Amino acid sequence: MNRLIVVFFLLFLSFSVKATDFEKLLRKKIPNIISITKLESKDHFAEEYEILLKQNIDHTNPKAGSFQQRVFLSHFDRKKPMLIVTEGYNARQRTYELARILRSNQLIVEYRYFGKSKPQKMDWKYLKNDQAMEDLHSIRKLFGKIYKRKWVSTGISKGGTTCLMYKAKYPKDVKVAIPYVAPLAIAQEDQRTNKHIKAMGGKECQAKLTKFQRTALEKRDKIIPLLKDFASLNGMQFTYVSYEKALDYAVSEFTFSFWQWGYTCDKIPENPSAKEIFSFINQVVSFDFYSDATCQLYLPAFYQFVTENGYYGFTTDHIQDLLVAEPHPTNLTFAPQNIDLSFTPYCQNVINFLDKKGKKILYIYGEVDPWTACGYRPKAGMKALRMTKKGGSHTTRIASFDDEERMLIYDTLHKWLRMKINRL
């Protein structure tokens, strides 16, 4: 028994020294590290870290100052590929399915102005996609000193859009890009999503949705008290968007969220009570989205949506007469106020690149997701693949596809990367 204890102790000691050596390597190769925090390792990773990096706030003018940018590094083997995850919002420690499929290392990059990556002064002029792409390129160069094998990029939703922006800006930084459910909107309120919503489900389903929305607004006097109770119970404040406006926005948003998250028409309550209406709207849309805390959290995202990325609008012609507090809902409400919010379609530049040079990109979409209406379709003859999951929502992943479709994805990755693919 004593010999076993000694063996286990030596193994633990060996692991500890190895981890310390790797931390020393990180600090040696990446001089702008502010801090490293070792995390519990999961899945196939040997070591995982939360790292704060010193990053230029303006990459065209280093004298403008700096901010700390957070990344999560999951180390497996320096001889294996690196999967760089381009988040669109906050980042957290987790394992992406592609890291398992590629049996790779993983580097999750938090988007500037989110989470721990916020400058001391939230100067909106530096929250631009071009600056964010320089963040990614800088991080790629730094960690490329350690991970010198193939690099692959991925991202989901806004992170997927960021993945495509990064590929367009620095095409040589990664061998293959795999964006998930990534929209490329070309207007401040891209009408393609509205057309998509109106085409889903058939006439009977559309009629049920309209009836539900109208009933919700007609029972406003009974639902508002339920919202106030919900806010009180959960410690939420609704001062930026009032309770009355929150209801108008939630009902206006309802059809987008309904299809985005893959609900089916049989889930719509028949002749619902006020409590049933509140519960279903809260399940599909979430009233928390309009609370002060959430509005503040997503303020940077909405700045980007309305100035560069583009976003969706609201389909309200069928409920217009019942919108009281917000008769003309707009996403401009959720962006910073009293500043220039004029729109420049950044994604059009990305589309132009993809049309001409968008090689080795695997696009993942869900059929019913309204964002798919703004998804990219590769040109004929381009070495790219778009996979759309039938009936799939915004939660569509590679694991969502059937066996035959997954085999096509695995075979494509094998062909492009020339490496063994772990077929989950």
Protein backbone atom coordinates (compact mmCIF):
# COMPACT_ATOMS: atom_id res chain seq x y z
CA MET A 1 0.00 0.00 0.00
CA ASN A 2 2.85 2.41 0.93
CA ARG A 3 4.55 1.78 -2.42
CA LEU A 4 1.32 2.70 -4.24
CA ILE A 5 1.10 5.95 -2.30
CA VAL A 6 4.69 6.80 -3.27
CA VAL A 7 3.96 6.06 -6.94
CA PHE A 8 0.86 8.26 -6.94
CA PHE A 9 2.79 11.04 -5.20
CA LEU A 10 5.56 10.90 -7.78
CA LEU A 11 3.03 10.98 -10.62
CA PHE A 12 1.31 14.00 -9.05
CA LEU A 13 4.67 15.72 -8.52
CA SER A 14 5.65 15.00 -12.13
CA PHE A 15 2.38 16.48 -13.40
CA SER A 16 2.80 19.58 -11.21
CA VAL A 17 6.31 20.24 -12.53
CA LYS A 18 5.11 19.74 -16.08
CA ALA A 19 2.27 22.22 -15.60
CA THR A 20 4.67 24.76 -14.08
CA ASP A 21 7.04 24.32 -17.01
CA PHE A 22 4.23 25.02 -19.46
CA GLU A 23 3.22 28.16 -17.60
CA LYS A 24 6.85 29.31 -17.80
CA LEU A 25 6.80 28.62 -21.53
CA LEU A 26 3.67 30.73 -21.93
CA ARG A 27 5.21 33.66 -20.09
CA LYS A 28 8.44 33.37 -22.03
CA LYS A 29 6.80 33.26 -25.46
CA ILE A 30 3.96 35.68 -24.73
CA PRO A 31 5.40 38.74 -22.99
CA ASN A 32 2.15 40.74 -22.80
CA ILE A 33 0.48 38.30 -20.39
CA ILE A 34 -1.05 40.14 -17.43
CA SER A 35 -2.13 37.07 -15.47
CA ILE A 36 -2.54 33.30 -15.76
CA THR A 37 -5.04 31.32 -13.70
CA LYS A 38 -4.86 27.54 -13.85
CA LEU A 39 -8.24 25.85 -14.21
CA GLU A 40 -9.46 22.31 -13.76
CA SER A 41 -8.77 20.34 -16.92
CA LYS A 42 -11.63 18.61 -18.70
CA ASP A 43 -12.17 16.23 -21.60
CA HIS A 44 -8.93 15.40 -23.43
CA PHE A 45 -7.05 18.53 -22.36
CA ALA A 46 -3.95 18.22 -20.18
CA GLU A 47 -3.96 21.80 -18.86
CA GLU A 48 -6.40 24.70 -19.02
CA TYR A 49 -5.91 28.37 -18.20
CA GLU A 50 -7.71 31.67 -18.04
CA ILE A 51 -5.26 34.24 -19.39
CA LEU A 52 -5.49 38.02 -19.43
CA LEU A 53 -3.48 39.72 -22.17
CA LYS A 54 -2.49 43.34 -22.65
CA GLN A 55 -4.09 44.46 -25.91
CA ASN A 56 -4.03 47.77 -27.80
CA ILE A 57 -7.34 49.58 -27.67
CA ASP A 58 -6.49 51.13 -31.05
CA HIS A 59 -4.24 49.01 -33.23
CA THR A 60 -3.54 51.97 -35.52
CA ASN A 61 -2.29 54.05 -32.59
CA PRO A 62 -0.62 52.19 -29.68
CA LYS A 63 -0.38 55.47 -27.76
CA ALA A 64 -4.17 55.45 -27.36
CA GLY A 65 -3.76 52.99 -24.49
CA SER A 66 -4.57 49.37 -23.79
CA PHE A 67 -7.10 47.05 -22.20
CA GLN A 68 -6.97 43.50 -20.87
CA GLN A 69 -8.39 40.81 -23.14
CA ARG A 70 -9.38 37.42 -21.78
CA VAL A 71 -8.68 34.11 -23.48
CA PHE A 72 -9.20 30.54 -22.32
CA LEU A 73 -6.40 28.21 -23.36
CA SER A 74 -7.02 24.46 -23.32
CA HIS A 75 -3.71 22.71 -23.97
CA PHE A 76 -3.50 19.17 -25.26
CA ASP A 77 -0.39 18.69 -27.39
CA ARG A 78 1.80 21.22 -29.20
CA LYS A 79 2.02 18.80 -32.12
CA LYS A 80 -1.74 18.89 -32.58
CA PRO A 81 -3.85 21.57 -34.34
CA MET A 82 -5.14 24.67 -32.57
CA LEU A 83 -8.84 25.53 -32.68
CA ILE A 84 -9.32 29.28 -32.20
CA VAL A 85 -12.85 30.17 -31.10
CA THR A 86 -13.95 33.66 -32.07
CA GLU A 87 -16.57 34.56 -29.48
CA GLY A 88 -19.00 37.38 -30.24
CA TYR A 89 -19.74 38.18 -26.61
CA ASN A 90 -18.47 37.02 -23.18
CA ALA A 91 -16.27 33.94 -23.05
CA ARG A 92 -16.28 31.05 -20.60
CA GLN A 93 -14.40 27.81 -20.16
CA ARG A 94 -16.02 25.04 -22.19
CA THR A 95 -15.11 22.46 -24.80
CA TYR A 96 -16.40 23.01 -28.32
CA GLU A 97 -17.44 19.96 -30.32
CA LEU A 98 -14.83 20.72 -32.96
CA ALA A 99 -12.06 20.41 -30.37
CA ARG A 100 -13.29 16.86 -29.75
CA ILE A 101 -13.69 16.12 -33.45
CA LEU A 102 -10.19 17.39 -34.27
CA ARG A 103 -8.66 16.19 -30.99
CA SER A 104 -7.03 19.59 -30.89
CA ASN A 105 -5.90 22.32 -28.57
CA GLN A 106 -8.40 25.13 -28.06
CA LEU A 107 -8.12 28.90 -27.63
CA ILE A 108 -11.33 30.82 -26.82
CA VAL A 109 -11.04 34.58 -27.40
CA GLU A 110 -13.44 36.91 -25.61
CA TYR A 111 -14.71 39.80 -27.74
CA ARG A 112 -13.54 43.27 -26.79
CA TYR A 113 -15.95 45.27 -24.57
CA PHE A 114 -17.43 42.09 -23.06
CA GLY A 115 -16.83 40.13 -19.84
CA LYS A 116 -13.36 40.79 -18.46
CA SER A 117 -12.26 42.36 -21.76
CA LYS A 118 -13.76 45.79 -21.10
CA PRO A 119 -11.63 48.95 -21.33
CA GLN A 120 -11.82 51.28 -18.34
CA LYS A 121 -13.45 53.85 -20.62
CA MET A 122 -16.15 52.43 -22.91
CA ASP A 123 -15.27 54.64 -25.88
CA TRP A 124 -17.51 53.37 -28.69
CA LYS A 125 -15.20 54.59 -31.46
CA TYR A 126 -12.87 51.67 -30.68
CA LEU A 127 -15.61 49.04 -30.78
CA LYS A 128 -15.18 48.30 -34.48
CA ASN A 129 -14.85 45.03 -36.33
CA ASP A 130 -11.52 46.06 -37.83
CA GLN A 131 -10.12 46.56 -34.32
CA ALA A 132 -11.52 43.18 -33.20
CA MET A 133 -9.90 41.48 -36.19
CA GLU A 134 -6.56 42.98 -35.16
CA ASP A 135 -7.14 41.55 -31.67
CA LEU A 136 -7.52 38.09 -33.18
CA HIS A 137 -4.55 38.47 -35.51
CA SER A 138 -2.36 39.65 -32.64
CA ILE A 139 -3.39 36.68 -30.51
CA ARG A 140 -2.82 34.31 -33.45
CA LYS A 141 0.73 35.57 -33.84
CA LEU A 142 1.47 35.35 -30.13
CA PHE A 143 0.20 31.81 -29.59
CA GLY A 144 1.57 30.77 -32.96
CA LYS A 145 4.99 30.90 -31.33
CA ILE A 146 3.94 27.86 -29.29
CA TYR A 147 1.39 26.13 -31.52
CA LYS A 148 2.99 25.82 -34.95
CA ARG A 149 0.76 23.19 -36.54
CA LYS A 150 -2.54 23.76 -38.35
CA TRP A 151 -4.92 26.43 -37.04
CA VAL A 152 -8.69 26.14 -37.48
CA SER A 153 -11.26 28.80 -36.58
CA THR A 154 -14.85 28.51 -35.43
CA GLY A 155 -17.57 30.57 -33.79
CA ILE A 156 -21.30 30.46 -33.13
CA SER A 157 -23.93 33.08 -34.03
CA LYS A 158 -22.27 36.53 -33.65
CA GLY A 159 -19.10 34.55 -33.00
CA GLY A 160 -19.69 32.74 -36.30
CA THR A 161 -20.02 36.08 -38.08
CA THR A 162 -16.77 37.11 -36.38
CA CYS A 163 -15.19 33.87 -37.63
CA LEU A 164 -16.06 34.84 -41.24
CA MET A 165 -14.89 38.43 -40.73
CA TYR A 166 -11.57 37.12 -39.42
CA LYS A 167 -11.19 34.74 -42.36
CA ALA A 168 -11.87 37.61 -44.77
CA LYS A 169 -9.43 39.97 -43.05
CA TYR A 170 -6.62 37.44 -42.45
CA PRO A 171 -7.26 34.44 -44.72
CA LYS A 172 -3.84 32.90 -44.06
CA ASP A 173 -4.22 32.85 -40.28
CA VAL A 174 -6.27 29.63 -40.37
CA LYS A 175 -6.34 26.60 -42.61
CA VAL A 176 -10.11 25.97 -42.31
CA ALA A 177 -13.01 28.01 -40.92
CA ILE A 178 -16.20 26.45 -39.53
CA PRO A 179 -18.79 29.13 -38.64
CA TYR A 180 -22.02 27.97 -37.01
CA VAL A 181 -25.41 29.66 -37.68
CA ALA A 182 -23.58 32.80 -38.79
CA PRO A 183 -25.63 35.63 -40.31
CA LEU A 184 -24.18 38.17 -42.72
CA ALA A 185 -26.76 40.94 -42.49
CA ILE A 186 -26.55 43.77 -45.00
CA ALA A 187 -28.93 46.30 -43.44
CA GLN A 188 -29.53 47.84 -40.04
CA GLU A 189 -32.76 45.82 -40.03
CA ASP A 190 -32.35 43.11 -42.67
CA GLN A 191 -35.78 42.31 -44.08
CA ARG A 192 -34.78 38.81 -45.19
CA THR A 193 -35.46 37.56 -41.66
CA ASN A 194 -39.04 38.89 -41.78
CA LYS A 195 -39.68 37.13 -45.09
CA HIS A 196 -38.31 33.93 -43.60
CA ILE A 197 -40.55 34.19 -40.52
CA LYS A 198 -43.67 34.73 -42.65
CA ALA A 199 -42.82 31.69 -44.78
CA MET A 200 -42.48 29.26 -41.88
CA GLY A 201 -45.07 26.75 -40.65
CA GLY A 202 -47.86 27.20 -43.18
CA LYS A 203 -51.08 29.26 -42.96
CA GLU A 204 -52.60 27.39 -40.00
CA CYS A 205 -49.46 27.81 -37.90
CA GLN A 206 -49.12 31.46 -38.86
CA ALA A 207 -52.75 32.02 -37.81
CA LYS A 208 -52.08 30.37 -34.41
CA LEU A 209 -49.04 32.56 -33.85
CA THR A 210 -50.96 35.71 -34.73
CA LYS A 211 -53.85 34.75 -32.45
CA PHE A 212 -51.46 34.07 -29.57
CA GLN A 213 -49.66 37.39 -30.00
CA ARG A 214 -52.89 39.37 -30.23
CA THR A 215 -54.35 37.62 -27.21
CA ALA A 216 -51.21 38.47 -25.21
CA LEU A 217 -51.58 42.16 -26.00
CA GLU A 218 -55.32 42.10 -25.41
CA LYS A 219 -54.67 40.70 -21.91
CA ARG A 220 -52.05 43.35 -21.17
CA ASP A 221 -53.72 44.42 -17.89
CA LYS A 222 -53.44 40.88 -16.52
CA ILE A 223 -49.95 40.13 -17.82
CA ILE A 224 -48.18 43.29 -16.61
CA PRO A 225 -48.79 42.39 -12.92
CA LEU A 226 -47.32 38.93 -13.62
CA LEU A 227 -44.24 40.57 -15.12
CA LYS A 228 -43.87 42.84 -12.08
CA ASP A 229 -44.10 39.86 -9.75
CA PHE A 230 -41.55 37.98 -11.85
CA ALA A 231 -39.17 40.95 -11.70
CA SER A 232 -39.58 41.33 -7.95
CA LEU A 233 -39.01 37.63 -7.34
CA ASN A 234 -35.81 37.63 -9.43
CA GLY A 235 -34.43 40.99 -8.38
CA MET A 236 -34.82 42.56 -11.83
CA GLN A 237 -35.23 46.24 -12.64
CA PHE A 238 -37.17 47.55 -15.65
CA THR A 239 -36.32 51.25 -15.77
CA TYR A 240 -34.46 51.39 -19.10
CA VAL A 241 -37.36 49.56 -20.75
CA SER A 242 -40.63 49.90 -18.81
CA TYR A 243 -42.84 46.92 -18.00
CA GLU A 244 -45.32 48.07 -20.64
CA LYS A 245 -42.64 48.45 -23.30
CA ALA A 246 -41.09 45.11 -22.31
CA LEU A 247 -44.40 43.41 -23.10
CA ASP A 248 -44.69 45.14 -26.47
CA TYR A 249 -41.13 44.18 -27.36
CA ALA A 250 -41.48 40.59 -26.16
CA VAL A 251 -44.64 40.06 -28.21
CA SER A 252 -43.10 41.76 -31.27
CA GLU A 253 -39.99 39.59 -30.88
CA PHE A 254 -41.99 36.42 -30.27
CA THR A 255 -42.15 35.02 -33.83
CA PHE A 256 -38.41 35.54 -34.40
CA SER A 257 -37.50 33.70 -31.20
CA PHE A 258 -40.15 31.04 -31.84
CA TRP A 259 -38.43 29.95 -35.06
CA GLN A 260 -34.92 30.75 -33.91
CA TRP A 261 -35.14 28.21 -31.11
CA GLY A 262 -37.02 25.63 -33.17
CA TYR A 263 -40.44 25.60 -31.53
CA THR A 264 -43.28 23.83 -33.34
CA CYS A 265 -46.86 25.01 -33.70
CA ASP A 266 -48.30 22.26 -31.52
CA LYS A 267 -46.56 23.94 -28.56
CA ILE A 268 -48.66 27.11 -28.87
CA PRO A 269 -51.26 27.12 -26.04
CA GLU A 270 -54.91 26.98 -27.12
CA ASN A 271 -57.18 29.54 -25.41
CA PRO A 272 -54.50 30.31 -22.84
CA SER A 273 -54.94 32.12 -19.54
CA ALA A 274 -52.83 35.18 -18.73
CA LYS A 275 -50.47 32.98 -16.67
CA GLU A 276 -50.07 30.52 -19.56
CA ILE A 277 -49.39 33.38 -21.98
CA PHE A 278 -46.80 34.92 -19.67
CA SER A 279 -45.12 31.58 -19.11
CA PHE A 280 -44.88 30.72 -22.81
CA ILE A 281 -43.57 34.16 -23.83
CA ASN A 282 -41.06 33.98 -21.00
CA GLN A 283 -39.98 30.53 -22.18
CA VAL A 284 -39.60 31.52 -25.83
CA VAL A 285 -38.32 35.10 -25.56
CA SER A 286 -37.40 35.59 -21.86
CA PHE A 287 -38.57 38.83 -20.26
CA ASP A 288 -35.15 39.00 -18.59
CA PHE A 289 -33.84 40.16 -21.97
CA TYR A 290 -35.46 43.57 -21.32
CA SER A 291 -34.25 43.99 -17.74
CA ASP A 292 -31.77 46.76 -16.94
CA ALA A 293 -28.93 44.30 -16.29
CA THR A 294 -29.35 42.47 -19.61
CA CYS A 295 -29.77 45.70 -21.58
CA GLN A 296 -26.48 46.90 -20.08
CA LEU A 297 -24.78 43.58 -20.79
CA TYR A 298 -25.67 43.63 -24.49
CA LEU A 299 -25.21 47.35 -25.06
CA PRO A 300 -21.88 46.82 -26.91
CA ALA A 301 -23.44 44.15 -29.13
CA PHE A 302 -26.34 46.38 -30.15
CA TYR A 303 -23.89 49.17 -30.93
CA GLN A 304 -22.24 46.80 -33.39
CA PHE A 305 -25.53 45.47 -34.73
CA VAL A 306 -26.87 48.90 -35.65
CA THR A 307 -23.60 50.45 -36.88
CA GLU A 308 -21.74 47.64 -38.71
CA ASN A 309 -23.05 44.08 -38.33
CA GLY A 310 -26.69 44.61 -39.18
CA TYR A 311 -29.57 42.93 -37.38
CA TYR A 312 -33.18 41.90 -37.80
CA GLY A 313 -36.31 44.03 -37.54
CA PHE A 314 -39.74 43.29 -36.12
CA THR A 315 -42.78 41.88 -37.94
CA THR A 316 -45.64 43.87 -36.40
CA ASP A 317 -48.18 44.59 -39.17
CA HIS A 318 -50.56 41.98 -37.70
CA ILE A 319 -50.39 43.41 -34.14
CA GLN A 320 -49.75 47.10 -34.83
CA ASP A 321 -53.12 48.23 -33.49
CA LEU A 322 -52.44 46.61 -30.10
CA LEU A 323 -48.94 48.00 -29.45
CA VAL A 324 -49.47 50.71 -26.84
CA ALA A 325 -46.21 51.61 -25.10
CA GLU A 326 -43.97 50.95 -28.13
CA PRO A 327 -46.00 51.31 -31.35
CA HIS A 328 -42.88 51.23 -33.54
CA PRO A 329 -40.40 48.79 -31.95
CA THR A 330 -36.80 49.17 -33.08
CA ASN A 331 -33.49 47.69 -31.97
CA LEU A 332 -32.06 51.21 -31.87
CA THR A 333 -33.67 51.33 -28.41
CA PHE A 334 -31.06 48.90 -27.10
CA ALA A 335 -28.02 50.68 -28.55
CA PRO A 336 -26.11 53.52 -26.83
CA GLN A 337 -28.06 56.77 -27.00
CA ASN A 338 -27.13 60.28 -28.11
CA ILE A 339 -24.32 59.17 -30.42
CA ASP A 340 -23.98 58.60 -34.15
CA LEU A 341 -25.62 55.25 -35.04
CA SER A 342 -25.38 55.50 -38.81
CA PHE A 343 -24.94 52.14 -40.51
CA THR A 344 -22.02 50.91 -42.62
CA PRO A 345 -22.61 47.36 -43.97
CA TYR A 346 -19.38 45.67 -42.86
CA CYS A 347 -20.66 42.22 -43.82
CA GLN A 348 -20.87 43.22 -47.48
CA ASN A 349 -17.06 43.27 -47.59
CA VAL A 350 -17.04 39.78 -46.11
CA ILE A 351 -19.53 38.55 -48.71
CA ASN A 352 -17.38 40.02 -51.48
CA PHE A 353 -14.38 38.10 -50.14
CA LEU A 354 -16.29 34.84 -49.79
CA ASP A 355 -17.60 35.13 -53.36
CA LYS A 356 -14.06 35.30 -54.72
CA LYS A 357 -11.79 33.55 -52.19
CA GLY A 358 -13.98 31.74 -49.66
CA LYS A 359 -12.20 28.39 -49.80
CA LYS A 360 -12.17 25.67 -47.15
CA ILE A 361 -15.08 27.08 -45.18
CA LEU A 362 -17.73 24.79 -43.71
CA TYR A 363 -21.02 26.58 -42.98
CA ILE A 364 -23.47 25.10 -40.48
CA TYR A 365 -27.10 26.31 -40.48
CA GLY A 366 -30.54 25.32 -39.18
CA GLU A 367 -33.42 25.37 -41.65
CA VAL A 368 -36.05 27.17 -39.54
CA ASP A 369 -33.68 29.63 -37.84
CA PRO A 370 -34.49 33.15 -39.16
CA TRP A 371 -30.77 33.95 -39.18
CA THR A 372 -30.37 31.34 -41.91
CA ALA A 373 -32.09 33.82 -44.25
CA CYS A 374 -28.95 35.96 -43.84
CA GLY A 375 -26.63 32.98 -44.15
CA TYR A 376 -24.02 32.68 -46.87
CA ARG A 377 -24.38 30.34 -49.87
CA PRO A 378 -21.02 29.39 -51.41
CA LYS A 379 -20.60 30.01 -55.12
CA ALA A 380 -20.62 26.98 -57.43
CA GLY A 381 -17.15 25.53 -57.85
CA MET A 382 -15.82 27.10 -54.64
CA LYS A 383 -14.07 24.64 -52.33
CA ALA A 384 -16.62 25.22 -49.56
CA LEU A 385 -19.53 23.33 -48.04
CA ARG A 386 -22.83 24.57 -46.60
CA MET A 387 -24.78 22.13 -44.43
CA THR A 388 -28.35 23.05 -43.47
CA LYS A 389 -30.09 20.83 -40.93
CA LYS A 390 -33.69 20.12 -41.95
CA GLY A 391 -35.94 21.48 -39.19
CA GLY A 392 -32.84 22.72 -37.40
CA SER A 393 -32.78 25.82 -35.20
CA HIS A 394 -30.11 28.25 -34.00
CA THR A 395 -28.81 25.44 -31.78
CA THR A 396 -27.78 23.34 -34.80
CA ARG A 397 -24.36 21.74 -34.41
CA ILE A 398 -22.48 19.00 -36.29
CA ALA A 399 -23.91 16.50 -33.81
CA SER A 400 -27.40 17.58 -34.92
CA PHE A 401 -27.07 16.02 -38.37
CA ASP A 402 -27.91 12.45 -39.26
CA ASP A 403 -25.19 9.84 -39.78
CA GLU A 404 -24.85 10.32 -43.54
CA GLU A 405 -24.62 14.10 -43.25
CA ARG A 406 -22.08 13.89 -40.44
CA MET A 407 -19.96 11.53 -42.53
CA LEU A 408 -19.91 14.15 -45.30
CA ILE A 409 -18.76 16.76 -42.79
CA TYR A 410 -16.06 14.48 -41.38
CA ASP A 411 -14.86 13.48 -44.84
CA THR A 412 -14.70 17.12 -45.90
CA LEU A 413 -12.65 18.09 -42.84
CA HIS A 414 -10.36 15.11 -43.44
CA LYS A 415 -9.84 16.17 -47.05
CA TRP A 416 -9.15 19.82 -46.23
CA LEU A 417 -6.98 19.25 -43.17
CA ARG A 418 -5.32 15.98 -44.18
CA MET A 419 -5.51 14.61 -40.68
CA LYS A 420 -7.40 12.02 -38.69
CA ILE A 421 -10.90 13.11 -37.74
CA ASN A 422 -12.51 11.83 -34.54
CA ARG A 423 -15.97 10.73 -35.75
CA LEU A 424 -18.25 11.36 -32.80
